[in-house]
């Protein structure tokens, strides 16, 4: 304390009382976080007992990571400590998510031995915002369905329902999957392939038809093919003819194969697997049933 009887503290005495450095206190004073009560005749800053309590609060808020602007707002009564803490928690959560993505990307780069170009692409794609991801998928779906009003409503709804929401803590495998998925969506050949599948679907119906009435409705294929596969019927065997006839009637088998491979081939199956992997949703079932039907059609188209 000053020995002049005022009960005020010099900046040095305040430093000793709080354990903070003179330099730190002077800086906070210069930033209007801890204004002196007055100044001595010699121009030195003087502080009172309330300044000690204020300084302790400033130190606590700073140790919690709050910036000086937020500290000033709390001290001025513009925001409560709880409000600032909640905002800071949100900011820390965002930083943690970013660090998790960075860790996953770096793990993937190290594991794959990625080139500079691959590293840049991987980092850019992994950090796309939710809105940017939705835009990419929405634009991809819109192109596939554009002008095809007769596409089965069930198929149309499934296409529009596709979402890609990577986790906040993606694994290296999920980063890999998102990069592969984004590349697939941008691939002109895959875009053309899915568009062709939608054109086949639309050609078999008319606008306003009931849900699931398309001959290519996946549920119907599974209902017929799954039991046959479960019974161990070889897709190349004569017994498979009855299954194909039940599914497709007397339609030309090569034409049917073209349609099937457009909508249910390995790339489409991989597309669905990647969406499930990135979004941490169950993998699409029945890929083996579709493969059985394609194998049975190929055996007859080649004969």
Protein backbone atom coordinates (compact mmCIF):
# COMPACT_ATOMS: atom_id res chain seq x y z
CA UNK A 1 0.00 0.00 0.00
CA UNK A 2 1.06 3.56 -0.49
CA UNK A 3 2.27 5.05 2.71
CA UNK A 4 0.46 8.29 1.94
CA UNK A 5 -2.63 7.00 3.69
CA UNK A 6 -4.79 6.84 0.59
CA UNK A 7 -5.00 3.03 0.61
CA UNK A 8 -4.24 2.99 -3.09
CA UNK A 9 -1.83 0.61 -4.82
CA UNK A 10 0.85 1.39 -7.32
CA UNK A 11 1.10 -0.90 -10.32
CA UNK A 12 4.07 -2.64 -8.69
CA UNK A 13 2.16 -3.26 -5.49
CA UNK A 14 -0.83 -4.52 -7.49
CA UNK A 15 1.51 -6.91 -9.30
CA UNK A 16 2.86 -8.27 -6.02
CA UNK A 17 -0.65 -8.62 -4.58
CA UNK A 18 -1.94 -10.64 -7.56
CA UNK A 19 1.16 -12.44 -8.79
CA UNK A 20 0.81 -10.89 -12.24
CA UNK A 21 3.62 -9.07 -13.97
CA UNK A 22 3.77 -5.28 -14.11
CA UNK A 23 3.97 -5.59 -17.88
CA UNK A 24 0.70 -7.56 -18.08
CA UNK A 25 -1.16 -5.15 -15.79
CA UNK A 26 0.14 -2.15 -17.72
CA UNK A 27 -0.97 -3.75 -21.00
CA UNK A 28 -4.48 -4.45 -19.68
CA UNK A 29 -4.67 -0.90 -18.39
CA UNK A 30 -3.64 0.44 -21.80
CA UNK A 31 -6.41 -1.72 -23.35
CA UNK A 32 -9.04 -0.19 -21.03
CA UNK A 33 -9.63 -3.47 -19.24
CA UNK A 34 -8.30 -2.25 -15.91
CA UNK A 35 -8.42 1.52 -15.70
CA UNK A 36 -6.52 3.09 -12.75
CA UNK A 37 -8.59 4.81 -10.10
CA UNK A 38 -6.38 7.87 -10.34
CA UNK A 39 -2.78 8.90 -10.81
CA UNK A 40 -0.20 10.09 -8.35
CA UNK A 41 1.24 13.62 -8.51
CA UNK A 42 4.13 12.05 -10.36
CA UNK A 43 1.79 10.54 -12.97
CA UNK A 44 1.93 6.94 -11.74
CA UNK A 45 -1.21 4.80 -11.99
CA UNK A 46 -2.95 4.01 -8.73
CA UNK A 47 -5.48 1.24 -8.03
CA UNK A 48 -7.82 0.42 -5.17
CA UNK A 49 -8.98 -2.80 -3.49
CA UNK A 50 -11.76 -3.21 -6.06
CA UNK A 51 -9.08 -3.21 -8.75
CA UNK A 52 -7.60 -6.34 -7.19
CA UNK A 53 -10.92 -8.20 -7.49
CA UNK A 54 -11.41 -6.89 -11.02
CA UNK A 55 -7.91 -7.99 -11.95
CA UNK A 56 -8.55 -11.49 -10.61
CA UNK A 57 -11.67 -11.73 -12.77
CA UNK A 58 -9.76 -10.52 -15.82
CA UNK A 59 -7.06 -13.10 -15.22
CA UNK A 60 -9.64 -15.89 -14.83
CA UNK A 61 -11.44 -14.94 -18.05
CA UNK A 62 -8.16 -14.68 -19.94
CA UNK A 63 -6.98 -18.07 -18.64
CA UNK A 64 -10.26 -19.50 -19.96
CA UNK A 65 -9.31 -18.16 -23.37
CA UNK A 66 -11.61 -15.16 -23.68
CA UNK A 67 -10.42 -12.27 -25.79
CA UNK A 68 -10.08 -8.77 -24.43
CA UNK A 69 -13.21 -7.60 -26.27
CA UNK A 70 -15.31 -10.20 -24.45
CA UNK A 71 -13.60 -9.36 -21.17
CA UNK A 72 -14.47 -5.69 -21.62
CA UNK A 73 -18.11 -6.55 -22.35
CA UNK A 74 -18.37 -8.65 -19.18
CA UNK A 75 -16.76 -5.97 -17.05
CA UNK A 76 -19.04 -3.33 -18.58
CA UNK A 77 -22.12 -5.43 -17.82
CA UNK A 78 -22.98 -5.76 -21.52
CA UNK A 79 -22.80 -9.56 -21.32
CA UNK A 80 -22.88 -12.00 -18.44
CA UNK A 81 -20.06 -14.41 -17.76
CA UNK A 82 -22.47 -17.26 -18.57
CA UNK A 83 -23.31 -15.79 -21.99
CA UNK A 84 -19.68 -15.30 -22.87
CA UNK A 85 -18.83 -18.78 -21.60
CA UNK A 86 -21.54 -20.34 -23.77
CA UNK A 87 -20.27 -18.49 -26.83
CA UNK A 88 -16.74 -19.53 -26.04
CA UNK A 89 -17.79 -23.17 -25.66
CA UNK A 90 -19.33 -23.01 -29.15
CA UNK A 91 -16.11 -21.53 -30.52
CA UNK A 92 -14.02 -24.21 -28.83
CA UNK A 93 -16.31 -26.92 -30.21
CA UNK A 94 -15.74 -25.54 -33.71
CA UNK A 95 -11.98 -25.56 -33.13
CA UNK A 96 -12.11 -29.12 -31.84
CA UNK A 97 -14.10 -30.23 -34.90
CA UNK A 98 -11.56 -28.52 -37.15
CA UNK A 99 -8.68 -30.22 -35.33
CA UNK A 100 -10.37 -33.60 -35.68
CA UNK A 101 -10.79 -33.07 -39.42
CA UNK A 102 -7.16 -31.96 -39.66
CA UNK A 103 -6.04 -35.06 -37.79
CA UNK A 104 -8.10 -37.35 -40.02
CA UNK A 105 -6.80 -35.68 -43.19
CA UNK A 106 -3.18 -35.90 -42.02
CA UNK A 107 -3.65 -39.57 -41.05
CA UNK A 108 -5.05 -40.29 -44.51
CA UNK A 109 -2.22 -38.42 -46.22
CA UNK A 110 0.40 -40.30 -44.19
CA UNK A 111 -1.25 -43.66 -44.85
CA UNK A 112 -1.78 -43.12 -48.56
CA UNK A 113 1.49 -41.32 -49.29
CA UNK A 114 -0.56 -38.65 -51.06
CA UNK A 115 0.90 -36.24 -53.60
CA UNK A 116 0.73 -32.48 -53.16
CA UNK A 117 -2.30 -32.30 -55.47
CA UNK A 118 -4.11 -35.09 -53.63
CA UNK A 119 -3.35 -33.46 -50.29
CA UNK A 120 -4.83 -30.14 -51.43
CA UNK A 121 -7.95 -31.81 -52.82
CA UNK A 122 -8.43 -33.96 -49.73
CA UNK A 123 -8.16 -30.99 -47.38
CA UNK A 124 -10.53 -28.85 -49.46
CA UNK A 125 -13.20 -31.52 -49.73
CA UNK A 126 -12.98 -32.57 -46.09
CA UNK A 127 -13.56 -28.98 -44.96
CA UNK A 128 -16.58 -28.22 -47.12
CA UNK A 129 -19.40 -26.72 -45.09
CA UNK A 130 -22.69 -28.57 -44.66
CA UNK A 131 -24.28 -26.10 -47.09
CA UNK A 132 -21.61 -26.70 -49.72
CA UNK A 133 -22.01 -30.47 -49.38
CA UNK A 134 -25.78 -30.17 -49.78
CA UNK A 135 -25.29 -27.97 -52.85
CA UNK A 136 -23.02 -30.53 -54.52
CA UNK A 137 -25.41 -33.44 -53.89
CA UNK A 138 -28.52 -31.39 -54.78
CA UNK A 139 -27.00 -30.24 -58.06
CA UNK A 140 -25.96 -33.82 -58.88
CA UNK A 141 -29.51 -35.10 -58.23
CA UNK A 142 -31.12 -32.26 -60.19
CA UNK A 143 -29.01 -33.07 -63.25
CA UNK A 144 -29.90 -36.75 -63.06
CA UNK A 145 -33.66 -36.06 -62.88
CA UNK A 146 -33.94 -32.91 -65.03
CA UNK A 147 -36.94 -33.09 -67.37
CA UNK A 148 -37.82 -36.68 -66.44
CA UNK A 149 -41.28 -36.25 -64.94
CA UNK A 150 -42.16 -39.92 -65.45
CA UNK A 151 -39.44 -41.26 -63.12
CA UNK A 152 -41.04 -43.48 -60.50
CA UNK A 153 -42.00 -41.27 -57.52
CA UNK A 154 -40.39 -43.75 -55.12
CA UNK A 155 -37.10 -43.51 -56.99
CA UNK A 156 -37.36 -39.72 -57.22
CA UNK A 157 -37.98 -39.40 -53.48
CA UNK A 158 -35.03 -41.66 -52.67
CA UNK A 159 -32.76 -39.58 -54.89
CA UNK A 160 -33.84 -36.33 -53.24
CA UNK A 161 -33.49 -37.87 -49.77
CA UNK A 162 -29.76 -38.52 -50.19
CA UNK A 163 -27.73 -36.50 -47.70
CA UNK A 164 -24.02 -36.40 -47.00
CA UNK A 165 -23.28 -35.34 -43.44
CA UNK A 166 -19.77 -36.36 -42.35
CA UNK A 167 -19.23 -36.74 -38.62
CA UNK A 168 -17.56 -34.02 -36.56
CA UNK A 169 -14.76 -36.48 -35.80
CA UNK A 170 -14.20 -38.24 -39.15
CA UNK A 171 -11.93 -41.24 -39.30
CA UNK A 172 -9.27 -41.45 -42.04
CA UNK A 173 -11.49 -44.02 -43.75
CA UNK A 174 -14.42 -41.58 -43.75
CA UNK A 175 -12.21 -38.83 -45.19
CA UNK A 176 -11.17 -41.27 -47.91
CA UNK A 177 -14.83 -42.08 -48.57
CA UNK A 178 -15.88 -38.43 -48.82
CA UNK A 179 -13.04 -37.65 -51.24
CA UNK A 180 -13.97 -40.66 -53.38
CA UNK A 181 -17.67 -39.73 -53.25
CA UNK A 182 -17.02 -36.11 -54.24
CA UNK A 183 -14.83 -37.22 -57.13
CA UNK A 184 -17.50 -39.68 -58.26
CA UNK A 185 -20.21 -37.02 -58.17
CA UNK A 186 -18.06 -34.75 -60.32
CA UNK A 187 -17.15 -37.54 -62.77
CA UNK A 188 -18.91 -36.91 -66.13
CA UNK A 189 -19.03 -40.64 -66.88
CA UNK A 190 -20.79 -41.44 -63.61
CA UNK A 191 -23.17 -38.51 -64.09
CA UNK A 192 -24.03 -39.81 -67.55
CA UNK A 193 -24.49 -43.33 -66.19
CA UNK A 194 -26.95 -42.29 -63.50
CA UNK A 195 -28.78 -40.06 -65.96
CA UNK A 196 -29.14 -43.05 -68.28
CA UNK A 197 -30.60 -45.11 -65.45
CA UNK A 198 -33.17 -42.38 -64.76
CA UNK A 199 -34.04 -42.17 -68.47
CA UNK A 200 -34.66 -45.93 -68.53
CA UNK A 201 -36.88 -45.58 -65.48
CA UNK A 202 -38.84 -42.68 -66.98
CA UNK A 203 -39.33 -44.51 -70.29
CA UNK A 204 -41.35 -47.20 -68.53
CA UNK A 205 -43.94 -44.98 -66.96
CA UNK A 206 -45.91 -41.79 -67.11
CA UNK A 207 -46.17 -38.72 -64.87
CA UNK A 208 -48.30 -39.24 -61.76
CA UNK A 209 -48.10 -43.02 -61.61
CA UNK A 210 -48.24 -44.74 -58.23
CA UNK A 211 -45.17 -45.24 -56.07
CA UNK A 212 -43.11 -48.32 -56.74
CA UNK A 213 -44.85 -49.35 -59.96
CA UNK A 214 -41.71 -49.16 -62.10
CA UNK A 215 -40.49 -52.53 -63.45
CA UNK A 216 -37.08 -51.47 -62.08
CA UNK A 217 -38.32 -50.84 -58.57
CA UNK A 218 -35.61 -52.27 -56.30
CA UNK A 219 -38.06 -53.80 -53.82
CA UNK A 220 -39.55 -56.02 -56.53
CA UNK A 221 -36.12 -57.22 -57.62
CA UNK A 222 -35.21 -58.13 -54.07
CA UNK A 223 -38.52 -59.88 -53.39
CA UNK A 224 -37.99 -62.20 -56.36
CA UNK A 225 -34.20 -62.56 -56.58
CA UNK A 226 -33.35 -62.89 -52.87
CA UNK A 227 -35.29 -66.16 -52.35
CA UNK A 228 -33.76 -67.64 -55.51
CA UNK A 229 -30.26 -66.76 -54.37
CA UNK A 230 -31.02 -68.06 -50.87
CA UNK A 231 -32.09 -71.40 -52.39
CA UNK A 232 -28.71 -71.62 -54.05
CA UNK A 233 -29.97 -71.31 -57.64
CA UNK A 234 -27.01 -70.68 -59.94
CA UNK A 235 -27.69 -67.55 -62.08
CA UNK A 236 -26.45 -69.48 -65.13
CA UNK A 237 -28.64 -72.52 -64.47
CA UNK A 238 -31.93 -73.28 -66.27
CA UNK A 239 -33.76 -72.73 -62.97
CA UNK A 240 -32.85 -69.04 -63.16
CA UNK A 241 -35.03 -68.65 -66.28
CA UNK A 242 -38.20 -68.80 -64.20
CA UNK A 243 -36.90 -66.07 -61.90
CA UNK A 244 -36.09 -63.77 -64.82
CA UNK A 245 -39.44 -64.47 -66.40
CA UNK A 246 -41.18 -63.58 -63.15
CA UNK A 247 -39.24 -60.33 -63.01
CA UNK A 248 -39.21 -59.21 -66.62
CA UNK A 249 -41.71 -61.29 -68.55
CA UNK A 250 -40.77 -61.74 -72.21
CA UNK A 251 -38.72 -58.54 -72.46
CA UNK A 252 -35.52 -58.78 -74.48
CA UNK A 253 -32.82 -59.96 -72.09
CA UNK A 254 -30.08 -57.79 -73.59
CA UNK A 255 -32.28 -54.69 -73.29
CA UNK A 256 -33.08 -55.61 -69.71
CA UNK A 257 -29.36 -56.11 -69.01
CA UNK A 258 -28.58 -52.63 -70.35
CA UNK A 259 -31.14 -51.17 -68.01
CA UNK A 260 -30.00 -53.21 -65.03
CA UNK A 261 -26.34 -52.37 -65.45
CA UNK A 262 -27.23 -48.69 -65.73
CA UNK A 263 -29.05 -48.66 -62.41
CA UNK A 264 -27.53 -51.47 -60.38
CA UNK A 265 -23.89 -51.83 -61.39
CA UNK A 266 -20.77 -51.79 -59.23
CA UNK A 267 -20.26 -48.01 -59.44
CA UNK A 268 -23.81 -47.28 -58.35
CA UNK A 269 -23.42 -49.78 -55.52
CA UNK A 270 -20.16 -48.10 -54.53
CA UNK A 271 -21.87 -44.69 -54.61
CA UNK A 272 -24.46 -45.93 -52.13
CA UNK A 273 -21.81 -47.53 -49.93
CA UNK A 274 -19.82 -44.28 -49.81
CA UNK A 275 -22.89 -42.26 -48.80
CA UNK A 276 -23.55 -44.72 -45.98
CA UNK A 277 -19.92 -44.67 -44.86
CA UNK A 278 -19.61 -40.88 -44.82
CA UNK A 279 -22.96 -40.38 -43.10
CA UNK A 280 -22.47 -43.30 -40.67
CA UNK A 281 -25.75 -44.85 -41.75
CA UNK A 282 -26.42 -48.55 -42.42
CA UNK A 283 -24.95 -49.83 -45.66
CA UNK A 284 -27.52 -50.42 -48.41
CA UNK A 285 -28.61 -54.07 -48.43
CA UNK A 286 -29.23 -56.54 -51.24
CA UNK A 287 -26.26 -55.69 -53.48
CA UNK A 288 -25.70 -59.44 -53.89
CA UNK A 289 -29.29 -59.91 -55.04
CA UNK A 290 -28.86 -57.30 -57.78
CA UNK A 291 -25.55 -58.89 -58.76
CA UNK A 292 -27.32 -62.27 -59.05
CA UNK A 293 -29.89 -60.83 -61.47
CA UNK A 294 -27.21 -59.13 -63.58
CA UNK A 295 -25.20 -62.37 -63.70
CA UNK A 296 -28.28 -64.31 -64.81
CA UNK A 297 -29.02 -61.74 -67.55
CA UNK A 298 -25.43 -61.73 -68.76
CA UNK A 299 -25.41 -65.50 -69.03
CA UNK A 300 -28.38 -65.29 -71.40
CA UNK A 301 -27.38 -62.16 -73.29
CA UNK A 302 -24.05 -63.75 -74.18
CA UNK A 303 -25.61 -67.05 -75.30
